[in-house]
Structure formats: structure tokens, C-alpha cells
Amino acid sequence: MNELKENYQTTMDKLEETRLMADNLQKQNSQLFAENERQRQQLAEAMDSIHQVEEQKARRLNRIQVTVYTAARLLLGYFFFVRIIRFILRRKSYK
């Protein structure tokens, strides 16, 4: 009978130890989940920031390209305009 009580007590002790381990694991799991959620939020903020920077760079590059193309077209237009005016004036001077 004593042996049965000892086995019962040993089993109960192991059961309590297992329950405590399960509680600790559950707490640890909750902490890890909260940490993971915080890191996910930080990563999302970092990704948003990176996307904003990329969009700003793309807009800036587009603005520079438009400015360069406009300047080149204006210079070409001015060159052709001056050539046409010279051509017209020369033709009129020969008549």
C-alpha cells in the first residue's frame, strides 16, 4: 500500500512539474509572439520608409529627365529657328 501511495505521489509530482513546464512554455510562447508582432510592425514601417524613399528618387529622376529633355528640345528649337531665320534673311537679301 505504501508503494502505491509513493507511486501516486511521484506521479502527481511529475504531473505538477509538467503542468508548470507547460505554463512556462505558454508564457514564453506569448512573449515570443508579442516580440514577433513588434518586429513585424518594425519591418513593415521600415519597408514603408524604403518604398517612400524609392518613390521620391523615382520622382526626382523623372523631374531631372523632363528638365534635361526640355532643355535639349529648346536648344534644338533655338538652333533650327536661327537657321531658318538666317536662311529667310539671306534669300531676301539676294532678291
PDB file of N, CA and C in Angstrom:
ATOM      1  N   MET A   1       0.815  -1.185   0.000  1.00  0.00           N
ATOM      2  CA  MET A   1       0.000   0.000   0.000  1.00  0.00           C
ATOM      3  C   MET A   1       0.867   1.261   0.000  1.00  0.00           C
ATOM      4  N   ASN A   2       1.955   1.210   0.780  1.00  0.00           N
ATOM      5  CA  ASN A   2       2.887   2.327   0.836  1.00  0.00           C
ATOM      6  C   ASN A   2       3.489   2.607  -0.538  1.00  0.00           C
ATOM      7  N   GLU A   3       3.835   1.536  -1.219  1.00  0.00           N
ATOM      8  CA  GLU A   3       4.436   1.684  -2.537  1.00  0.00           C
ATOM      9  C   GLU A   3       3.462   2.335  -3.511  1.00  0.00           C
ATOM     10  N   LEU A   4       2.213   2.010  -3.400  1.00  0.00           N
ATOM     11  CA  LEU A   4       1.186   2.590  -4.253  1.00  0.00           C
ATOM     12  C   LEU A   4       1.028   4.077  -3.980  1.00  0.00           C
ATOM     13  N   LYS A   5       1.070   4.450  -2.709  1.00  0.00           N
ATOM     14  CA  LYS A   5       0.984   5.878  -2.343  1.00  0.00           C
ATOM     15  C   LYS A   5       2.206   6.638  -2.858  1.00  0.00           C
ATOM     16  N   GLU A   6       3.367   6.007  -2.767  1.00  0.00           N
ATOM     17  CA  GLU A   6       4.589   6.650  -3.252  1.00  0.00           C
ATOM     18  C   GLU A   6       4.526   6.843  -4.775  1.00  0.00           C
ATOM     19  N   ASN A   7       4.065   5.816  -5.464  1.00  0.00           N
ATOM     20  CA  ASN A   7       3.922   5.920  -6.910  1.00  0.00           C
ATOM     21  C   ASN A   7       2.906   7.008  -7.277  1.00  0.00           C
ATOM     22  N   TYR A   8       1.827   7.041  -6.511  1.00  0.00           N
ATOM     23  CA  TYR A   8       0.795   8.069  -6.749  1.00  0.00           C
ATOM     24  C   TYR A   8       1.386   9.462  -6.522  1.00  0.00           C
ATOM     25  N   GLN A   9       2.124   9.625  -5.427  1.00  0.00           N
ATOM     26  CA  GLN A   9       2.727  10.928  -5.120  1.00  0.00           C
ATOM     27  C   GLN A   9       3.770  11.304  -6.176  1.00  0.00           C
ATOM     28  N   THR A  10       4.561  10.342  -6.623  1.00  0.00           N
ATOM     29  CA  THR A  10       5.555  10.596  -7.653  1.00  0.00           C
ATOM     30  C   THR A  10       4.878  11.019  -8.956  1.00  0.00           C
ATOM     31  N   THR A  11       3.816  10.333  -9.288  1.00  0.00           N
ATOM     32  CA  THR A  11       3.074  10.670 -10.499  1.00  0.00           C
ATOM     33  C   THR A  11       2.466  12.057 -10.381  1.00  0.00           C
ATOM     34  N   MET A  12       1.917  12.382  -9.221  1.00  0.00           N
ATOM     35  CA  MET A  12       1.333  13.711  -9.009  1.00  0.00           C
ATOM     36  C   MET A  12       2.418  14.799  -9.086  1.00  0.00           C
ATOM     37  N   ASP A  13       3.590  14.518  -8.526  1.00  0.00           N
ATOM     38  CA  ASP A  13       4.699  15.475  -8.594  1.00  0.00           C
ATOM     39  C   ASP A  13       5.125  15.700 -10.047  1.00  0.00           C
ATOM     40  N   LYS A  14       5.227  14.611 -10.797  1.00  0.00           N
ATOM     41  CA  LYS A  14       5.602  14.733 -12.202  1.00  0.00           C
ATOM     42  C   LYS A  14       4.525  15.482 -12.985  1.00  0.00           C
ATOM     43  N   LEU A  15       3.278  15.211 -12.647  1.00  0.00           N
ATOM     44  CA  LEU A  15       2.171  15.902 -13.307  1.00  0.00           C
ATOM     45  C   LEU A  15       2.217  17.399 -13.006  1.00  0.00           C
ATOM     46  N   GLU A  16       2.496  17.765 -11.764  1.00  0.00           N
ATOM     47  CA  GLU A  16       2.597  19.189 -11.384  1.00  0.00           C
ATOM     48  C   GLU A  16       3.792  19.840 -12.079  1.00  0.00           C
ATOM     49  N   GLU A  17       4.890  19.099 -12.133  1.00  0.00           N
ATOM     50  CA  GLU A  17       6.079  19.617 -12.815  1.00  0.00           C
ATOM     51  C   GLU A  17       5.793  19.828 -14.312  1.00  0.00           C
ATOM     52  N   THR A  18       5.089  18.889 -14.905  1.00  0.00           N
ATOM     53  CA  THR A  18       4.724  19.006 -16.313  1.00  0.00           C
ATOM     54  C   THR A  18       3.784  20.183 -16.531  1.00  0.00           C
ATOM     55  N   ARG A  19       2.831  20.368 -15.619  1.00  0.00           N
ATOM     56  CA  ARG A  19       1.905  21.499 -15.712  1.00  0.00           C
ATOM     57  C   ARG A  19       2.646  22.823 -15.603  1.00  0.00           C
ATOM     58  N   LEU A  20       3.602  22.911 -14.685  1.00  0.00           N
ATOM     59  CA  LEU A  20       4.404  24.128 -14.542  1.00  0.00           C
ATOM     60  C   LEU A  20       5.236  24.378 -15.799  1.00  0.00           C
ATOM     61  N   MET A  21       5.792  23.322 -16.366  1.00  0.00           N
ATOM     62  CA  MET A  21       6.563  23.471 -17.600  1.00  0.00           C
ATOM     63  C   MET A  21       5.658  23.950 -18.742  1.00  0.00           C
ATOM     64  N   ALA A  22       4.446  23.411 -18.779  1.00  0.00           N
ATOM     65  CA  ALA A  22       3.505  23.826 -19.821  1.00  0.00           C
ATOM     66  C   ALA A  22       3.131  25.291 -19.636  1.00  0.00           C
ATOM     67  N   ASP A  23       2.907  25.710 -18.405  1.00  0.00           N
ATOM     68  CA  ASP A  23       2.598  27.123 -18.127  1.00  0.00           C
ATOM     69  C   ASP A  23       3.764  28.016 -18.542  1.00  0.00           C
ATOM     70  N   ASN A  24       4.984  27.598 -18.201  1.00  0.00           N
ATOM     71  CA  ASN A  24       6.165  28.380 -18.571  1.00  0.00           C
ATOM     72  C   ASN A  24       6.312  28.459 -20.092  1.00  0.00           C
ATOM     73  N   LEU A  25       6.076  27.354 -20.763  1.00  0.00           N
ATOM     74  CA  LEU A  25       6.164  27.355 -22.216  1.00  0.00           C
ATOM     75  C   LEU A  25       5.086  28.254 -22.833  1.00  0.00           C
ATOM     76  N   GLN A  26       3.911  28.235 -22.228  1.00  0.00           N
ATOM     77  CA  GLN A  26       2.842  29.088 -22.742  1.00  0.00           C
ATOM     78  C   GLN A  26       3.192  30.568 -22.553  1.00  0.00           C
ATOM     79  N   LYS A  27       3.756  30.902 -21.398  1.00  0.00           N
ATOM     80  CA  LYS A  27       4.188  32.283 -21.161  1.00  0.00           C
ATOM     81  C   LYS A  27       5.289  32.684 -22.149  1.00  0.00           C
ATOM     82  N   GLN A  28       6.244  31.778 -22.333  1.00  0.00           N
ATOM     83  CA  GLN A  28       7.335  32.045 -23.266  1.00  0.00           C
ATOM     84  C   GLN A  28       6.798  32.202 -24.689  1.00  0.00           C
ATOM     85  N   ASN A  29       5.850  31.363 -25.043  1.00  0.00           N
ATOM     86  CA  ASN A  29       5.236  31.453 -26.370  1.00  0.00           C
ATOM     87  C   ASN A  29       4.525  32.794 -26.536  1.00  0.00           C
ATOM     88  N   SER A  30       3.825  33.250 -25.515  1.00  0.00           N
ATOM     89  CA  SER A  30       3.154  34.545 -25.581  1.00  0.00           C
ATOM     90  C   SER A  30       4.159  35.680 -25.732  1.00  0.00           C
ATOM     91  N   GLN A  31       5.258  35.600 -24.990  1.00  0.00           N
ATOM     92  CA  GLN A  31       6.290  36.627 -25.091  1.00  0.00           C
ATOM     93  C   GLN A  31       6.916  36.635 -26.486  1.00  0.00           C
ATOM     94  N   LEU A  32       7.201  35.455 -27.013  1.00  0.00           N
ATOM     95  CA  LEU A  32       7.783  35.362 -28.354  1.00  0.00           C
ATOM     96  C   LEU A  32       6.807  35.871 -29.413  1.00  0.00           C
ATOM     97  N   PHE A  33       5.534  35.580 -29.221  1.00  0.00           N
ATOM     98  CA  PHE A  33       4.534  36.078 -30.159  1.00  0.00           C
ATOM     99  C   PHE A  33       4.484  37.604 -30.128  1.00  0.00           C
ATOM    100  N   ALA A  34       4.510  38.179 -28.933  1.00  0.00           N
ATOM    101  CA  ALA A  34       4.494  39.640 -28.807  1.00  0.00           C
ATOM    102  C   ALA A  34       5.752  40.243 -29.435  1.00  0.00           C
ATOM    103  N   GLU A  35       6.893  39.625 -29.201  1.00  0.00           N
ATOM    104  CA  GLU A  35       8.152  40.101 -29.791  1.00  0.00           C
ATOM    105  C   GLU A  35       8.098  40.002 -31.318  1.00  0.00           C
ATOM    106  N   ASN A  36       7.565  38.897 -31.802  1.00  0.00           N
ATOM    107  CA  ASN A  36       7.433  38.705 -33.244  1.00  0.00           C
ATOM    108  C   ASN A  36       6.505  39.770 -33.841  1.00  0.00           C
ATOM    109  N   GLU A  37       5.430  40.059 -33.172  1.00  0.00           N
ATOM    110  CA  GLU A  37       4.485  41.078 -33.648  1.00  0.00           C
ATOM    111  C   GLU A  37       5.149  42.462 -33.684  1.00  0.00           C
ATOM    112  N   ARG A  38       5.940  42.756 -32.655  1.00  0.00           N
ATOM    113  CA  ARG A  38       6.644  44.035 -32.607  1.00  0.00           C
ATOM    114  C   ARG A  38       7.661  44.131 -33.745  1.00  0.00           C
ATOM    115  N   GLN A  39       8.406  43.052 -33.965  1.00  0.00           N
ATOM    116  CA  GLN A  39       9.383  43.053 -35.045  1.00  0.00           C
ATOM    117  C   GLN A  39       8.707  43.139 -36.415  1.00  0.00           C
ATOM    118  N   ARG A  40       7.560  42.480 -36.552  1.00  0.00           N
ATOM    119  CA  ARG A  40       6.815  42.555 -37.804  1.00  0.00           C
ATOM    120  C   ARG A  40       6.371  43.984 -38.070  1.00  0.00           C
ATOM    121  N   GLN A  41       5.922  44.671 -37.023  1.00  0.00           N
ATOM    122  CA  GLN A  41       5.500  46.065 -37.154  1.00  0.00           C
ATOM    123  C   GLN A  41       6.681  46.951 -37.553  1.00  0.00           C
ATOM    124  N   GLN A  42       7.835  46.724 -36.915  1.00  0.00           N
ATOM    125  CA  GLN A  42       9.026  47.496 -37.255  1.00  0.00           C
ATOM    126  C   GLN A  42       9.450  47.243 -38.701  1.00  0.00           C
ATOM    127  N   LEU A  43       9.367  45.992 -39.128  1.00  0.00           N
ATOM    128  CA  LEU A  43       9.724  45.647 -40.502  1.00  0.00           C
ATOM    129  C   LEU A  43       8.768  46.312 -41.490  1.00  0.00           C
ATOM    130  N   ALA A  44       7.487  46.312 -41.156  1.00  0.00           N
ATOM    131  CA  ALA A  44       6.506  46.956 -42.033  1.00  0.00           C
ATOM    132  C   ALA A  44       6.785  48.454 -42.135  1.00  0.00           C
ATOM    133  N   GLU A  45       7.126  49.090 -41.018  1.00  0.00           N
ATOM    134  CA  GLU A  45       7.455  50.516 -41.037  1.00  0.00           C
ATOM    135  C   GLU A  45       8.713  50.770 -41.859  1.00  0.00           C
ATOM    136  N   ALA A  46       9.705  49.903 -41.713  1.00  0.00           N
ATOM    137  CA  ALA A  46      10.944  50.055 -42.484  1.00  0.00           C
ATOM    138  C   ALA A  46      10.669  49.884 -43.977  1.00  0.00           C
ATOM    139  N   MET A  47       9.846  48.913 -44.331  1.00  0.00           N
ATOM    140  CA  MET A  47       9.506  48.694 -45.734  1.00  0.00           C
ATOM    141  C   MET A  47       8.742  49.894 -46.303  1.00  0.00           C
ATOM    142  N   ASP A  48       7.818  50.453 -45.516  1.00  0.00           N
ATOM    143  CA  ASP A  48       7.097  51.646 -45.964  1.00  0.00           C
ATOM    144  C   ASP A  48       8.065  52.797 -46.199  1.00  0.00           C
ATOM    145  N   SER A  49       9.005  52.948 -45.285  1.00  0.00           N
ATOM    146  CA  SER A  49      10.002  54.002 -45.420  1.00  0.00           C
ATOM    147  C   SER A  49      10.841  53.802 -46.672  1.00  0.00           C
ATOM    148  N   ILE A  50      11.246  52.569 -46.933  1.00  0.00           N
ATOM    149  CA  ILE A  50      12.046  52.270 -48.126  1.00  0.00           C
ATOM    150  C   ILE A  50      11.246  52.565 -49.390  1.00  0.00           C
ATOM    151  N   HIS A  51       9.980  52.181 -49.397  1.00  0.00           N
ATOM    152  CA  HIS A  51       9.140  52.447 -50.568  1.00  0.00           C
ATOM    153  C   HIS A  51       8.973  53.951 -50.797  1.00  0.00           C
ATOM    154  N   GLN A  52       8.821  54.706 -49.726  1.00  0.00           N
ATOM    155  CA  GLN A  52       8.688  56.161 -49.867  1.00  0.00           C
ATOM    156  C   GLN A  52       9.968  56.760 -50.445  1.00  0.00           C
ATOM    157  N   VAL A  53      11.112  56.301 -49.967  1.00  0.00           N
ATOM    158  CA  VAL A  53      12.387  56.811 -50.476  1.00  0.00           C
ATOM    159  C   VAL A  53      12.542  56.464 -51.958  1.00  0.00           C
ATOM    160  N   GLU A  54      12.173  55.231 -52.318  1.00  0.00           N
ATOM    161  CA  GLU A  54      12.266  54.829 -53.727  1.00  0.00           C
ATOM    162  C   GLU A  54      11.344  55.674 -54.603  1.00  0.00           C
ATOM    163  N   GLU A  55      10.135  55.949 -54.118  1.00  0.00           N
ATOM    164  CA  GLU A  55       9.205  56.782 -54.880  1.00  0.00           C
ATOM    165  C   GLU A  55       9.750  58.204 -55.034  1.00  0.00           C
ATOM    166  N   GLN A  56      10.347  58.738 -53.972  1.00  0.00           N
ATOM    167  CA  GLN A  56      10.932  60.074 -54.056  1.00  0.00           C
ATOM    168  C   GLN A  56      12.077  60.105 -55.066  1.00  0.00           C
ATOM    169  N   LYS A  57      12.923  59.068 -55.058  1.00  0.00           N
ATOM    170  CA  LYS A  57      14.027  59.005 -56.021  1.00  0.00           C
ATOM    171  C   LYS A  57      13.488  58.924 -57.448  1.00  0.00           C
ATOM    172  N   ALA A  58      12.461  58.120 -57.646  1.00  0.00           N
ATOM    173  CA  ALA A  58      11.887  57.978 -58.986  1.00  0.00           C
ATOM    174  C   ALA A  58      11.289  59.299 -59.461  1.00  0.00           C
ATOM    175  N   ARG A  59      10.585  60.004 -58.572  1.00  0.00           N
ATOM    176  CA  ARG A  59      10.017  61.313 -58.941  1.00  0.00           C
ATOM    177  C   ARG A  59      11.124  62.309 -59.264  1.00  0.00           C
ATOM    178  N   ARG A  60      12.178  62.317 -58.442  1.00  0.00           N
ATOM    179  CA  ARG A  60      13.294  63.232 -58.674  1.00  0.00           C
ATOM    180  C   ARG A  60      13.974  62.926 -60.010  1.00  0.00           C
ATOM    181  N   LEU A  61      14.208  61.654 -60.287  1.00  0.00           N
ATOM    182  CA  LEU A  61      14.827  61.254 -61.547  1.00  0.00           C
ATOM    183  C   LEU A  61      13.951  61.652 -62.729  1.00  0.00           C
ATOM    184  N   ASN A  62      12.659  61.444 -62.603  1.00  0.00           N
ATOM    185  CA  ASN A  62      11.737  61.817 -63.666  1.00  0.00           C
ATOM    186  C   ASN A  62      11.759  63.330 -63.893  1.00  0.00           C
ATOM    187  N   ARG A  63      11.788  64.097 -62.821  1.00  0.00           N
ATOM    188  CA  ARG A  63      11.839  65.551 -62.935  1.00  0.00           C
ATOM    189  C   ARG A  63      13.127  66.001 -63.627  1.00  0.00           C
ATOM    190  N   ILE A  64      14.242  65.368 -63.282  1.00  0.00           N
ATOM    191  CA  ILE A  64      15.522  65.707 -63.917  1.00  0.00           C
ATOM    192  C   ILE A  64      15.488  65.350 -65.397  1.00  0.00           C
ATOM    193  N   GLN A  65      14.948  64.172 -65.717  1.00  0.00           N
ATOM    194  CA  GLN A  65      14.868  63.762 -67.115  1.00  0.00           C
ATOM    195  C   GLN A  65      14.010  64.734 -67.923  1.00  0.00           C
ATOM    196  N   VAL A  66      12.878  65.121 -67.371  1.00  0.00           N
ATOM    197  CA  VAL A  66      11.998  66.061 -68.067  1.00  0.00           C
ATOM    198  C   VAL A  66      12.718  67.387 -68.279  1.00  0.00           C
ATOM    199  N   THR A  67      13.442  67.845 -67.277  1.00  0.00           N
ATOM    200  CA  THR A  67      14.170  69.106 -67.388  1.00  0.00           C
ATOM    201  C   THR A  67      15.251  69.014 -68.467  1.00  0.00           C
ATOM    202  N   VAL A  68      16.003  67.928 -68.483  1.00  0.00           N
ATOM    203  CA  VAL A  68      17.068  67.758 -69.475  1.00  0.00           C
ATOM    204  C   VAL A  68      16.481  67.676 -70.876  1.00  0.00           C
ATOM    205  N   TYR A  69      15.431  66.885 -71.052  1.00  0.00           N
ATOM    206  CA  TYR A  69      14.806  66.761 -72.379  1.00  0.00           C
ATOM    207  C   TYR A  69      14.227  68.093 -72.846  1.00  0.00           C
ATOM    208  N   THR A  70      13.613  68.826 -71.922  1.00  0.00           N
ATOM    209  CA  THR A  70      13.059  70.128 -72.283  1.00  0.00           C
ATOM    210  C   THR A  70      14.167  71.086 -72.696  1.00  0.00           C
ATOM    211  N   ALA A  71      15.254  71.109 -71.946  1.00  0.00           N
ATOM    212  CA  ALA A  71      16.373  71.993 -72.280  1.00  0.00           C
ATOM    213  C   ALA A  71      16.965  71.610 -73.643  1.00  0.00           C
ATOM    214  N   ALA A  72      17.116  70.326 -73.903  1.00  0.00           N
ATOM    215  CA  ALA A  72      17.668  69.878 -75.186  1.00  0.00           C
ATOM    216  C   ALA A  72      16.734  70.270 -76.334  1.00  0.00           C
ATOM    217  N   ARG A  73      15.453  70.107 -76.142  1.00  0.00           N
ATOM    218  CA  ARG A  73      14.498  70.486 -77.184  1.00  0.00           C
ATOM    219  C   ARG A  73      14.493  71.993 -77.417  1.00  0.00           C
ATOM    220  N   LEU A  74      14.586  72.758 -76.352  1.00  0.00           N
ATOM    221  CA  LEU A  74      14.637  74.210 -76.506  1.00  0.00           C
ATOM    222  C   LEU A  74      15.892  74.626 -77.269  1.00  0.00           C
ATOM    223  N   LEU A  75      17.037  74.023 -76.943  1.00  0.00           N
ATOM    224  CA  LEU A  75      18.268  74.345 -77.662  1.00  0.00           C
ATOM    225  C   LEU A  75      18.173  73.961 -79.138  1.00  0.00           C
ATOM    226  N   LEU A  76      17.650  72.777 -79.414  1.00  0.00           N
ATOM    227  CA  LEU A  76      17.480  72.363 -80.804  1.00  0.00           C
ATOM    228  C   LEU A  76      16.498  73.285 -81.527  1.00  0.00           C
ATOM    229  N   GLY A  77      15.420  73.631 -80.856  1.00  0.00           N
ATOM    230  CA  GLY A  77      14.444  74.543 -81.443  1.00  0.00           C
ATOM    231  C   GLY A  77      15.064  75.894 -81.742  1.00  0.00           C
ATOM    232  N   TYR A  78      15.848  76.397 -80.794  1.00  0.00           N
ATOM    233  CA  TYR A  78      16.518  77.682 -80.997  1.00  0.00           C
ATOM    234  C   TYR A  78      17.481  77.592 -82.184  1.00  0.00           C
ATOM    235  N   PHE A  79      18.255  76.504 -82.264  1.00  0.00           N
ATOM    236  CA  PHE A  79      19.207  76.306 -83.356  1.00  0.00           C
ATOM    237  C   PHE A  79      18.488  76.303 -84.710  1.00  0.00           C
ATOM    238  N   PHE A  80      17.424  75.516 -84.809  1.00  0.00           N
ATOM    239  CA  PHE A  80      16.687  75.461 -86.077  1.00  0.00           C
ATOM    240  C   PHE A  80      15.991  76.783 -86.389  1.00  0.00           C
ATOM    241  N   PHE A  81      15.461  77.442 -85.375  1.00  0.00           N
ATOM    242  CA  PHE A  81      14.804  78.726 -85.578  1.00  0.00           C
ATOM    243  C   PHE A  81      15.802  79.752 -86.137  1.00  0.00           C
ATOM    244  N   VAL A  82      17.003  79.813 -85.545  1.00  0.00           N
ATOM    245  CA  VAL A  82      18.030  80.740 -86.013  1.00  0.00           C
ATOM    246  C   VAL A  82      18.438  80.387 -87.439  1.00  0.00           C
ATOM    247  N   ARG A  83      18.593  79.122 -87.766  1.00  0.00           N
ATOM    248  CA  ARG A  83      18.952  78.701 -89.120  1.00  0.00           C
ATOM    249  C   ARG A  83      17.863  79.101 -90.125  1.00  0.00           C
ATOM    250  N   ILE A  84      16.630  78.900 -89.751  1.00  0.00           N
ATOM    251  CA  ILE A  84      15.530  79.262 -90.659  1.00  0.00           C
ATOM    252  C   ILE A  84      15.491  80.764 -90.878  1.00  0.00           C
ATOM    253  N   ILE A  85      15.637  81.528 -89.812  1.00  0.00           N
ATOM    254  CA  ILE A  85      15.631  82.994 -89.927  1.00  0.00           C
ATOM    255  C   ILE A  85      16.798  83.446 -90.817  1.00  0.00           C
ATOM    256  N   ARG A  86      17.985  82.901 -90.621  1.00  0.00           N
ATOM    257  CA  ARG A  86      19.138  83.256 -91.452  1.00  0.00           C
ATOM    258  C   ARG A  86      18.880  82.914 -92.921  1.00  0.00           C
ATOM    259  N   PHE A  87      18.314  81.726 -93.135  1.00  0.00           N
ATOM    260  CA  PHE A  87      18.022  81.309 -94.494  1.00  0.00           C
ATOM    261  C   PHE A  87      17.036  82.282 -95.159  1.00  0.00           C
ATOM    262  N   ILE A  88      15.984  82.647 -94.429  1.00  0.00           N
ATOM    263  CA  ILE A  88      14.988  83.579 -94.970  1.00  0.00           C
ATOM    264  C   ILE A  88      15.609  84.937 -95.251  1.00  0.00           C
ATOM    265  N   LEU A  89      16.418  85.446 -94.324  1.00  0.00           N
ATOM    266  CA  LEU A  89      17.036  86.741 -94.493  1.00  0.00           C
ATOM    267  C   LEU A  89      18.025  86.737 -95.666  1.00  0.00           C
ATOM    268  N   ARG A  90      18.754  85.662 -95.869  1.00  0.00           N
ATOM    269  CA  ARG A  90      19.696  85.572 -96.992  1.00  0.00           C
ATOM    270  C   ARG A  90      18.944  85.560 -98.324  1.00  0.00           C
ATOM    271  N   ARG A  91      17.855  84.841 -98.351  1.00  0.00           N
ATOM    272  CA  ARG A  91      17.073  84.768 -99.591  1.00  0.00           C
ATOM    273  C   ARG A  91      16.510  86.146 -99.940  1.00  0.00           C
ATOM    274  N   LYS A  92      16.070  86.879 -98.908  1.00  0.00           N
ATOM    275  CA  LYS A  92      15.508  88.194 -99.158  1.00  0.00           C
ATOM    276  C   LYS A  92      16.590  89.196 -99.591  1.00  0.00           C
ATOM    277  N   SER A  93      17.801  88.996 -99.050  1.00  0.00           N
ATOM    278  CA  SER A  93      18.877  89.929 -99.384  1.00  0.00           C
ATOM    279  C   SER A  93      19.364  89.728-100.815  1.00  0.00           C
ATOM    280  N   TYR A  94      19.247  88.539-101.385  1.00  0.00           N
ATOM    281  CA  TYR A  94      19.662  88.285-102.750  1.00  0.00           C
ATOM    282  C   TYR A  94      18.678  88.807-103.778  1.00  0.00           C
ATOM    283  N   LYS A  95      17.461  89.024-103.402  1.00  0.00           N
ATOM    284  CA  LYS A  95      16.436  89.469-104.361  1.00  0.00           C
ATOM    285  C   LYS A  95      16.474  90.924-104.576  1.00  0.00           C
TER     286      LYS A  95
END
